[in-house]
Amino acid sequence: MQKISTESSAKIDTLKGSIASALEKKAKWKKENERRRHDYVPFLLAALKHLAKKGTLVEPAFNKGKEAAKEAYEKAKAAEEAKKTAAAK
């Protein structure tokens, strides 16, 4: 009886460790997904504007970056709309 209790306790401890590990992994994945899905474009545009005001950024480079960001945003938005349309069908 004592042996069964000891073995069961050992198994429970092992399973609790596995559960804790899985929960840590899930939390890490959630954090990575949030970072991946976050829209950094407004932050980057604000940083570029700040650098331009300080004179450390050349104006044509700022405008080129702004245009590229705008195109990328519009492309992503169009892809998202196409995905929603396809899912609706």
PDB file of N, CA and C in Angstrom:
ATOM      1  N   MET A   1       0.812  -1.181   0.000  1.00  0.00           N
ATOM      2  CA  MET A   1       0.000   0.000   0.000  1.00  0.00           C
ATOM      3  C   MET A   1       0.865   1.258   0.000  1.00  0.00           C
ATOM      4  N   GLN A   2       1.928   1.226   0.798  1.00  0.00           N
ATOM      5  CA  GLN A   2       2.857   2.354   0.884  1.00  0.00           C
ATOM      6  C   GLN A   2       3.553   2.568  -0.457  1.00  0.00           C
ATOM      7  N   LYS A   3       3.891   1.480  -1.114  1.00  0.00           N
ATOM      8  CA  LYS A   3       4.596   1.544  -2.398  1.00  0.00           C
ATOM      9  C   LYS A   3       3.701   2.201  -3.456  1.00  0.00           C
ATOM     10  N   ILE A   4       2.439   1.832  -3.485  1.00  0.00           N
ATOM     11  CA  ILE A   4       1.493   2.400  -4.458  1.00  0.00           C
ATOM     12  C   ILE A   4       1.333   3.900  -4.215  1.00  0.00           C
ATOM     13  N   SER A   5       1.250   4.281  -2.970  1.00  0.00           N
ATOM     14  CA  SER A   5       1.109   5.698  -2.620  1.00  0.00           C
ATOM     15  C   SER A   5       2.336   6.494  -3.054  1.00  0.00           C
ATOM     16  N   THR A   6       3.515   5.942  -2.832  1.00  0.00           N
ATOM     17  CA  THR A   6       4.762   6.611  -3.214  1.00  0.00           C
ATOM     18  C   THR A   6       4.859   6.750  -4.730  1.00  0.00           C
ATOM     19  N   GLU A   7       4.519   5.692  -5.443  1.00  0.00           N
ATOM     20  CA  GLU A   7       4.561   5.731  -6.910  1.00  0.00           C
ATOM     21  C   GLU A   7       3.552   6.733  -7.472  1.00  0.00           C
ATOM     22  N   SER A   8       2.380   6.749  -6.879  1.00  0.00           N
ATOM     23  CA  SER A   8       1.339   7.684  -7.320  1.00  0.00           C
ATOM     24  C   SER A   8       1.775   9.133  -7.093  1.00  0.00           C
ATOM     25  N   SER A   9       2.369   9.388  -5.947  1.00  0.00           N
ATOM     26  CA  SER A   9       2.853  10.738  -5.643  1.00  0.00           C
ATOM     27  C   SER A   9       3.929  11.163  -6.638  1.00  0.00           C
ATOM     28  N   ALA A  10       4.808  10.239  -6.997  1.00  0.00           N
ATOM     29  CA  ALA A  10       5.868  10.543  -7.961  1.00  0.00           C
ATOM     30  C   ALA A  10       5.266  10.856  -9.327  1.00  0.00           C
ATOM     31  N   LYS A  11       4.270  10.084  -9.730  1.00  0.00           N
ATOM     32  CA  LYS A  11       3.604  10.324 -11.010  1.00  0.00           C
ATOM     33  C   LYS A  11       2.895  11.672 -11.012  1.00  0.00           C
ATOM     34  N   ILE A  12       2.247  12.003  -9.908  1.00  0.00           N
ATOM     35  CA  ILE A  12       1.544  13.287  -9.793  1.00  0.00           C
ATOM     36  C   ILE A  12       2.533  14.437  -9.917  1.00  0.00           C
ATOM     37  N   ASP A  13       3.671  14.332  -9.232  1.00  0.00           N
ATOM     38  CA  ASP A  13       4.697  15.384  -9.315  1.00  0.00           C
ATOM     39  C   ASP A  13       5.212  15.534 -10.750  1.00  0.00           C
ATOM     40  N   THR A  14       5.422  14.416 -11.433  1.00  0.00           N
ATOM     41  CA  THR A  14       5.888  14.453 -12.823  1.00  0.00           C
ATOM     42  C   THR A  14       4.857  15.123 -13.721  1.00  0.00           C
ATOM     43  N   LEU A  15       3.597  14.767 -13.531  1.00  0.00           N
ATOM     44  CA  LEU A  15       2.533  15.360 -14.342  1.00  0.00           C
ATOM     45  C   LEU A  15       2.353  16.846 -14.053  1.00  0.00           C
ATOM     46  N   LYS A  16       2.483  17.240 -12.802  1.00  0.00           N
ATOM     47  CA  LYS A  16       2.389  18.664 -12.458  1.00  0.00           C
ATOM     48  C   LYS A  16       3.512  19.451 -13.143  1.00  0.00           C
ATOM     49  N   GLY A  17       4.697  18.862 -13.196  1.00  0.00           N
ATOM     50  CA  GLY A  17       5.820  19.507 -13.894  1.00  0.00           C
ATOM     51  C   GLY A  17       5.544  19.637 -15.375  1.00  0.00           C
ATOM     52  N   SER A  18       4.955  18.604 -15.965  1.00  0.00           N
ATOM     53  CA  SER A  18       4.610  18.645 -17.390  1.00  0.00           C
ATOM     54  C   SER A  18       3.557  19.715 -17.673  1.00  0.00           C
ATOM     55  N   ILE A  19       2.581  19.816 -16.792  1.00  0.00           N
ATOM     56  CA  ILE A  19       1.530  20.823 -16.954  1.00  0.00           C
ATOM     57  C   ILE A  19       2.123  22.226 -16.848  1.00  0.00           C
ATOM     58  N   ALA A  20       2.981  22.436 -15.868  1.00  0.00           N
ATOM     59  CA  ALA A  20       3.612  23.747 -15.695  1.00  0.00           C
ATOM     60  C   ALA A  20       4.436  24.110 -16.929  1.00  0.00           C
ATOM     61  N   SER A  21       5.152  23.143 -17.462  1.00  0.00           N
ATOM     62  CA  SER A  21       5.951  23.375 -18.664  1.00  0.00           C
ATOM     63  C   SER A  21       5.071  23.737 -19.854  1.00  0.00           C
ATOM     64  N   ALA A  22       3.958  23.029 -20.005  1.00  0.00           N
ATOM     65  CA  ALA A  22       3.040  23.304 -21.112  1.00  0.00           C
ATOM     66  C   ALA A  22       2.415  24.689 -20.971  1.00  0.00           C
ATOM     67  N   LEU A  23       2.074  25.079 -19.748  1.00  0.00           N
ATOM     68  CA  LEU A  23       1.496  26.407 -19.524  1.00  0.00           C
ATOM     69  C   LEU A  23       2.501  27.514 -19.815  1.00  0.00           C
ATOM     70  N   GLU A  24       3.750  27.302 -19.455  1.00  0.00           N
ATOM     71  CA  GLU A  24       4.807  28.282 -19.757  1.00  0.00           C
ATOM     72  C   GLU A  24       4.977  28.422 -21.265  1.00  0.00           C
ATOM     73  N   LYS A  25       4.965  27.292 -21.963  1.00  0.00           N
ATOM     74  CA  LYS A  25       5.114  27.308 -23.410  1.00  0.00           C
ATOM     75  C   LYS A  25       3.951  28.048 -24.067  1.00  0.00           C
ATOM     76  N   LYS A  26       2.742  27.811 -23.563  1.00  0.00           N
ATOM     77  CA  LYS A  26       1.557  28.474 -24.105  1.00  0.00           C
ATOM     78  C   LYS A  26       1.628  29.982 -23.881  1.00  0.00           C
ATOM     79  N   ALA A  27       2.072  30.406 -22.704  1.00  0.00           N
ATOM     80  CA  ALA A  27       2.203  31.832 -22.410  1.00  0.00           C
ATOM     81  C   ALA A  27       3.248  32.483 -23.317  1.00  0.00           C
ATOM     82  N   LYS A  28       4.329  31.762 -23.563  1.00  0.00           N
ATOM     83  CA  LYS A  28       5.385  32.274 -24.447  1.00  0.00           C
ATOM     84  C   LYS A  28       4.844  32.427 -25.871  1.00  0.00           C
ATOM     85  N   TRP A  29       4.107  31.448 -26.349  1.00  0.00           N
ATOM     86  CA  TRP A  29       3.526  31.511 -27.691  1.00  0.00           C
ATOM     87  C   TRP A  29       2.542  32.672 -27.794  1.00  0.00           C
ATOM     88  N   LYS A  30       1.741  32.870 -26.743  1.00  0.00           N
ATOM     89  CA  LYS A  30       0.763  33.961 -26.753  1.00  0.00           C
ATOM     90  C   LYS A  30       1.470  35.307 -26.863  1.00  0.00           C
ATOM     91  N   LYS A  31       2.535  35.479 -26.102  1.00  0.00           N
ATOM     92  CA  LYS A  31       3.295  36.731 -26.137  1.00  0.00           C
ATOM     93  C   LYS A  31       3.911  36.948 -27.519  1.00  0.00           C
ATOM     94  N   GLU A  32       4.472  35.900 -28.108  1.00  0.00           N
ATOM     95  CA  GLU A  32       5.050  36.007 -29.450  1.00  0.00           C
ATOM     96  C   GLU A  32       3.980  36.345 -30.478  1.00  0.00           C
ATOM     97  N   ASN A  33       2.816  35.746 -30.381  1.00  0.00           N
ATOM     98  CA  ASN A  33       1.732  36.032 -31.319  1.00  0.00           C
ATOM     99  C   ASN A  33       1.252  37.467 -31.189  1.00  0.00           C
ATOM    100  N   GLU A  34       1.167  37.981 -29.962  1.00  0.00           N
ATOM    101  CA  GLU A  34       0.767  39.369 -29.773  1.00  0.00           C
ATOM    102  C   GLU A  34       1.772  40.315 -30.413  1.00  0.00           C
ATOM    103  N   ARG A  35       3.038  40.015 -30.261  1.00  0.00           N
ATOM    104  CA  ARG A  35       4.072  40.851 -30.894  1.00  0.00           C
ATOM    105  C   ARG A  35       3.993  40.772 -32.408  1.00  0.00           C
ATOM    106  N   ARG A  36       3.734  39.589 -32.906  1.00  0.00           N
ATOM    107  CA  ARG A  36       3.674  39.390 -34.356  1.00  0.00           C
ATOM    108  C   ARG A  36       2.471  40.112 -34.960  1.00  0.00           C
ATOM    109  N   ARG A  37       1.368  40.150 -34.241  1.00  0.00           N
ATOM    110  CA  ARG A  37       0.136  40.731 -34.762  1.00  0.00           C
ATOM    111  C   ARG A  37       0.021  42.231 -34.528  1.00  0.00           C
ATOM    112  N   HIS A  38       0.880  42.786 -33.688  1.00  0.00           N
ATOM    113  CA  HIS A  38       0.791  44.211 -33.373  1.00  0.00           C
ATOM    114  C   HIS A  38       1.201  45.052 -34.576  1.00  0.00           C
ATOM    115  N   ASP A  39       0.522  46.159 -34.782  1.00  0.00           N
ATOM    116  CA  ASP A  39       0.812  47.065 -35.890  1.00  0.00           C
ATOM    117  C   ASP A  39       1.831  48.112 -35.419  1.00  0.00           C
ATOM    118  N   TYR A  40       3.080  47.958 -35.847  1.00  0.00           N
ATOM    119  CA  TYR A  40       4.146  48.867 -35.449  1.00  0.00           C
ATOM    120  C   TYR A  40       4.278  50.071 -36.375  1.00  0.00           C
ATOM    121  N   VAL A  41       3.499  50.124 -37.449  1.00  0.00           N
ATOM    122  CA  VAL A  41       3.629  51.193 -38.438  1.00  0.00           C
ATOM    123  C   VAL A  41       3.426  52.574 -37.811  1.00  0.00           C
ATOM    124  N   PRO A  42       2.378  52.816 -37.008  1.00  0.00           N
ATOM    125  CA  PRO A  42       2.231  54.156 -36.422  1.00  0.00           C
ATOM    126  C   PRO A  42       3.430  54.566 -35.563  1.00  0.00           C
ATOM    127  N   PHE A  43       3.958  53.630 -34.790  1.00  0.00           N
ATOM    128  CA  PHE A  43       5.134  53.922 -33.970  1.00  0.00           C
ATOM    129  C   PHE A  43       6.315  54.292 -34.848  1.00  0.00           C
ATOM    130  N   LEU A  44       6.542  53.519 -35.887  1.00  0.00           N
ATOM    131  CA  LEU A  44       7.676  53.795 -36.765  1.00  0.00           C
ATOM    132  C   LEU A  44       7.511  55.129 -37.486  1.00  0.00           C
ATOM    133  N   LEU A  45       6.304  55.444 -37.925  1.00  0.00           N
ATOM    134  CA  LEU A  45       6.076  56.737 -38.578  1.00  0.00           C
ATOM    135  C   LEU A  45       6.318  57.884 -37.601  1.00  0.00           C
ATOM    136  N   ALA A  46       5.888  57.740 -36.364  1.00  0.00           N
ATOM    137  CA  ALA A  46       6.126  58.775 -35.357  1.00  0.00           C
ATOM    138  C   ALA A  46       7.624  58.942 -35.110  1.00  0.00           C
ATOM    139  N   ALA A  47       8.346  57.836 -35.058  1.00  0.00           N
ATOM    140  CA  ALA A  47       9.793  57.902 -34.854  1.00  0.00           C
ATOM    141  C   ALA A  47      10.468  58.595 -36.035  1.00  0.00           C
ATOM    142  N   LEU A  48      10.031  58.266 -37.239  1.00  0.00           N
ATOM    143  CA  LEU A  48      10.603  58.906 -38.427  1.00  0.00           C
ATOM    144  C   LEU A  48      10.292  60.402 -38.439  1.00  0.00           C
ATOM    145  N   LYS A  49       9.081  60.780 -38.059  1.00  0.00           N
ATOM    146  CA  LYS A  49       8.725  62.201 -37.997  1.00  0.00           C
ATOM    147  C   LYS A  49       9.605  62.930 -36.986  1.00  0.00           C
ATOM    148  N   HIS A  50       9.820  62.299 -35.851  1.00  0.00           N
ATOM    149  CA  HIS A  50      10.655  62.895 -34.808  1.00  0.00           C
ATOM    150  C   HIS A  50      12.084  63.088 -35.330  1.00  0.00           C
ATOM    151  N   LEU A  51      12.613  62.084 -35.989  1.00  0.00           N
ATOM    152  CA  LEU A  51      13.962  62.200 -36.543  1.00  0.00           C
ATOM    153  C   LEU A  51      14.023  63.277 -37.617  1.00  0.00           C
ATOM    154  N   ALA A  52      12.967  63.393 -38.408  1.00  0.00           N
ATOM    155  CA  ALA A  52      12.933  64.420 -39.452  1.00  0.00           C
ATOM    156  C   ALA A  52      12.917  65.815 -38.832  1.00  0.00           C
ATOM    157  N   LYS A  53      12.153  65.993 -37.750  1.00  0.00           N
ATOM    158  CA  LYS A  53      12.107  67.293 -37.084  1.00  0.00           C
ATOM    159  C   LYS A  53      13.461  67.675 -36.499  1.00  0.00           C
ATOM    160  N   LYS A  54      14.180  66.676 -36.007  1.00  0.00           N
ATOM    161  CA  LYS A  54      15.499  66.935 -35.438  1.00  0.00           C
ATOM    162  C   LYS A  54      16.536  67.194 -36.539  1.00  0.00           C
ATOM    163  N   GLY A  55      16.177  66.872 -37.772  1.00  0.00           N
ATOM    164  CA  GLY A  55      17.106  67.077 -38.877  1.00  0.00           C
ATOM    165  C   GLY A  55      18.063  65.920 -39.085  1.00  0.00           C
ATOM    166  N   THR A  56      17.825  64.821 -38.421  1.00  0.00           N
ATOM    167  CA  THR A  56      18.710  63.667 -38.572  1.00  0.00           C
ATOM    168  C   THR A  56      18.228  62.698 -39.639  1.00  0.00           C
ATOM    169  N   LEU A  57      17.123  63.045 -40.253  1.00  0.00           N
ATOM    170  CA  LEU A  57      16.569  62.182 -41.291  1.00  0.00           C
ATOM    171  C   LEU A  57      16.350  63.033 -42.535  1.00  0.00           C
ATOM    172  N   VAL A  58      16.795  62.547 -43.644  1.00  0.00           N
ATOM    173  CA  VAL A  58      16.639  63.267 -44.895  1.00  0.00           C
ATOM    174  C   VAL A  58      15.175  63.183 -45.323  1.00  0.00           C
ATOM    175  N   GLU A  59      14.602  64.299 -45.721  1.00  0.00           N
ATOM    176  CA  GLU A  59      13.178  64.370 -46.064  1.00  0.00           C
ATOM    177  C   GLU A  59      12.775  63.375 -47.158  1.00  0.00           C
ATOM    178  N   PRO A  60      13.527  63.227 -48.244  1.00  0.00           N
ATOM    179  CA  PRO A  60      13.109  62.239 -49.262  1.00  0.00           C
ATOM    180  C   PRO A  60      13.058  60.812 -48.709  1.00  0.00           C
ATOM    181  N   ALA A  61      13.977  60.485 -47.828  1.00  0.00           N
ATOM    182  CA  ALA A  61      13.975  59.140 -47.237  1.00  0.00           C
ATOM    183  C   ALA A  61      12.732  58.957 -46.373  1.00  0.00           C
ATOM    184  N   PHE A  62      12.340  59.992 -45.661  1.00  0.00           N
ATOM    185  CA  PHE A  62      11.134  59.931 -44.839  1.00  0.00           C
ATOM    186  C   PHE A  62       9.904  59.708 -45.711  1.00  0.00           C
ATOM    187  N   ASN A  63       9.787  60.483 -46.781  1.00  0.00           N
ATOM    188  CA  ASN A  63       8.633  60.345 -47.672  1.00  0.00           C
ATOM    189  C   ASN A  63       8.596  58.979 -48.343  1.00  0.00           C
ATOM    190  N   LYS A  64       9.760  58.492 -48.731  1.00  0.00           N
ATOM    191  CA  LYS A  64       9.829  57.159 -49.354  1.00  0.00           C
ATOM    192  C   LYS A  64       9.386  56.089 -48.349  1.00  0.00           C
ATOM    193  N   GLY A  65       9.849  56.185 -47.126  1.00  0.00           N
ATOM    194  CA  GLY A  65       9.457  55.228 -46.089  1.00  0.00           C
ATOM    195  C   GLY A  65       7.973  55.314 -45.781  1.00  0.00           C
ATOM    196  N   LYS A  66       7.453  56.535 -45.773  1.00  0.00           N
ATOM    197  CA  LYS A  66       6.032  56.736 -45.514  1.00  0.00           C
ATOM    198  C   LYS A  66       5.192  56.103 -46.614  1.00  0.00           C
ATOM    199  N   GLU A  67       5.601  56.281 -47.863  1.00  0.00           N
ATOM    200  CA  GLU A  67       4.884  55.682 -48.992  1.00  0.00           C
ATOM    201  C   GLU A  67       4.941  54.150 -48.926  1.00  0.00           C
ATOM    202  N   ALA A  68       6.117  53.606 -48.631  1.00  0.00           N
ATOM    203  CA  ALA A  68       6.262  52.155 -48.540  1.00  0.00           C
ATOM    204  C   ALA A  68       5.389  51.591 -47.422  1.00  0.00           C
ATOM    205  N   ALA A  69       5.345  52.283 -46.303  1.00  0.00           N
ATOM    206  CA  ALA A  69       4.516  51.829 -45.183  1.00  0.00           C
ATOM    207  C   ALA A  69       3.042  51.890 -45.560  1.00  0.00           C
ATOM    208  N   LYS A  70       2.655  52.951 -46.244  1.00  0.00           N
ATOM    209  CA  LYS A  70       1.259  53.095 -46.653  1.00  0.00           C
ATOM    210  C   LYS A  70       0.867  51.979 -47.621  1.00  0.00           C
ATOM    211  N   GLU A  71       1.744  51.676 -48.577  1.00  0.00           N
ATOM    212  CA  GLU A  71       1.468  50.598 -49.531  1.00  0.00           C
ATOM    213  C   GLU A  71       1.369  49.247 -48.829  1.00  0.00           C
ATOM    214  N   ALA A  72       2.279  48.996 -47.904  1.00  0.00           N
ATOM    215  CA  ALA A  72       2.257  47.726 -47.168  1.00  0.00           C
ATOM    216  C   ALA A  72       0.985  47.604 -46.350  1.00  0.00           C
ATOM    217  N   TYR A  73       0.560  48.698 -45.731  1.00  0.00           N
ATOM    218  CA  TYR A  73      -0.658  48.698 -44.934  1.00  0.00           C
ATOM    219  C   TYR A  73      -1.869  48.420 -45.820  1.00  0.00           C
ATOM    220  N   GLU A  74      -1.938  49.092 -46.962  1.00  0.00           N
ATOM    221  CA  GLU A  74      -3.061  48.894 -47.876  1.00  0.00           C
ATOM    222  C   GLU A  74      -3.084  47.472 -48.430  1.00  0.00           C
ATOM    223  N   LYS A  75      -1.912  46.933 -48.715  1.00  0.00           N
ATOM    224  CA  LYS A  75      -1.818  45.565 -49.219  1.00  0.00           C
ATOM    225  C   LYS A  75      -2.300  44.570 -48.162  1.00  0.00           C
ATOM    226  N   ALA A  76      -1.889  44.776 -46.921  1.00  0.00           N
ATOM    227  CA  ALA A  76      -2.308  43.894 -45.835  1.00  0.00           C
ATOM    228  C   ALA A  76      -3.812  44.005 -45.603  1.00  0.00           C
ATOM    229  N   LYS A  77      -4.322  45.207 -45.690  1.00  0.00           N
ATOM    230  CA  LYS A  77      -5.751  45.419 -45.496  1.00  0.00           C
ATOM    231  C   LYS A  77      -6.544  44.741 -46.615  1.00  0.00           C
ATOM    232  N   ALA A  78      -6.059  44.847 -47.858  1.00  0.00           N
ATOM    233  CA  ALA A  78      -6.733  44.203 -48.984  1.00  0.00           C
ATOM    234  C   ALA A  78      -6.706  42.680 -48.830  1.00  0.00           C
ATOM    235  N   ALA A  79      -5.584  42.146 -48.372  1.00  0.00           N
ATOM    236  CA  ALA A  79      -5.475  40.700 -48.169  1.00  0.00           C
ATOM    237  C   ALA A  79      -6.435  40.247 -47.074  1.00  0.00           C
ATOM    238  N   GLU A  80      -6.571  41.050 -46.028  1.00  0.00           N
ATOM    239  CA  GLU A  80      -7.496  40.704 -44.939  1.00  0.00           C
ATOM    240  C   GLU A  80      -8.942  40.727 -45.431  1.00  0.00           C
ATOM    241  N   GLU A  81      -9.277  41.729 -46.244  1.00  0.00           N
ATOM    242  CA  GLU A  81     -10.629  41.812 -46.795  1.00  0.00           C
ATOM    243  C   GLU A  81     -10.908  40.639 -47.733  1.00  0.00           C
ATOM    244  N   ALA A  82      -9.906  40.262 -48.543  1.00  0.00           N
ATOM    245  CA  ALA A  82     -10.076  39.126 -49.442  1.00  0.00           C
ATOM    246  C   ALA A  82     -10.289  37.845 -48.640  1.00  0.00           C
ATOM    247  N   LYS A  83      -9.580  37.729 -47.535  1.00  0.00           N
ATOM    248  CA  LYS A  83      -9.725  36.555 -46.675  1.00  0.00           C
ATOM    249  C   LYS A  83     -11.117  36.487 -46.068  1.00  0.00           C
ATOM    250  N   LYS A  84     -11.628  37.651 -45.641  1.00  0.00           N
ATOM    251  CA  LYS A  84     -12.977  37.699 -45.073  1.00  0.00           C
ATOM    252  C   LYS A  84     -14.017  37.366 -46.129  1.00  0.00           C
ATOM    253  N   THR A  85     -13.809  37.871 -47.342  1.00  0.00           N
ATOM    254  CA  THR A  85     -14.749  37.596 -48.435  1.00  0.00           C
ATOM    255  C   THR A  85     -14.751  36.115 -48.773  1.00  0.00           C
ATOM    256  N   ALA A  86     -13.561  35.518 -48.823  1.00  0.00           N
ATOM    257  CA  ALA A  86     -13.459  34.095 -49.141  1.00  0.00           C
ATOM    258  C   ALA A  86     -14.100  33.248 -48.033  1.00  0.00           C
ATOM    259  N   ALA A  87     -13.964  33.678 -46.801  1.00  0.00           N
ATOM    260  CA  ALA A  87     -14.538  32.927 -45.688  1.00  0.00           C
ATOM    261  C   ALA A  87     -16.066  33.038 -45.685  1.00  0.00           C
ATOM    262  N   ALA A  88     -16.575  34.155 -46.184  1.00  0.00           N
ATOM    263  CA  ALA A  88     -18.018  34.366 -46.211  1.00  0.00           C
ATOM    264  C   ALA A  88     -18.701  33.496 -47.260  1.00  0.00           C
ATOM    265  N   LYS A  89     -17.952  33.114 -48.273  1.00  0.00           N
ATOM    266  CA  LYS A  89     -18.533  32.295 -49.357  1.00  0.00           C
ATOM    267  C   LYS A  89     -18.636  30.903 -48.904  1.00  0.00           C
TER     268      LYS A  89
END
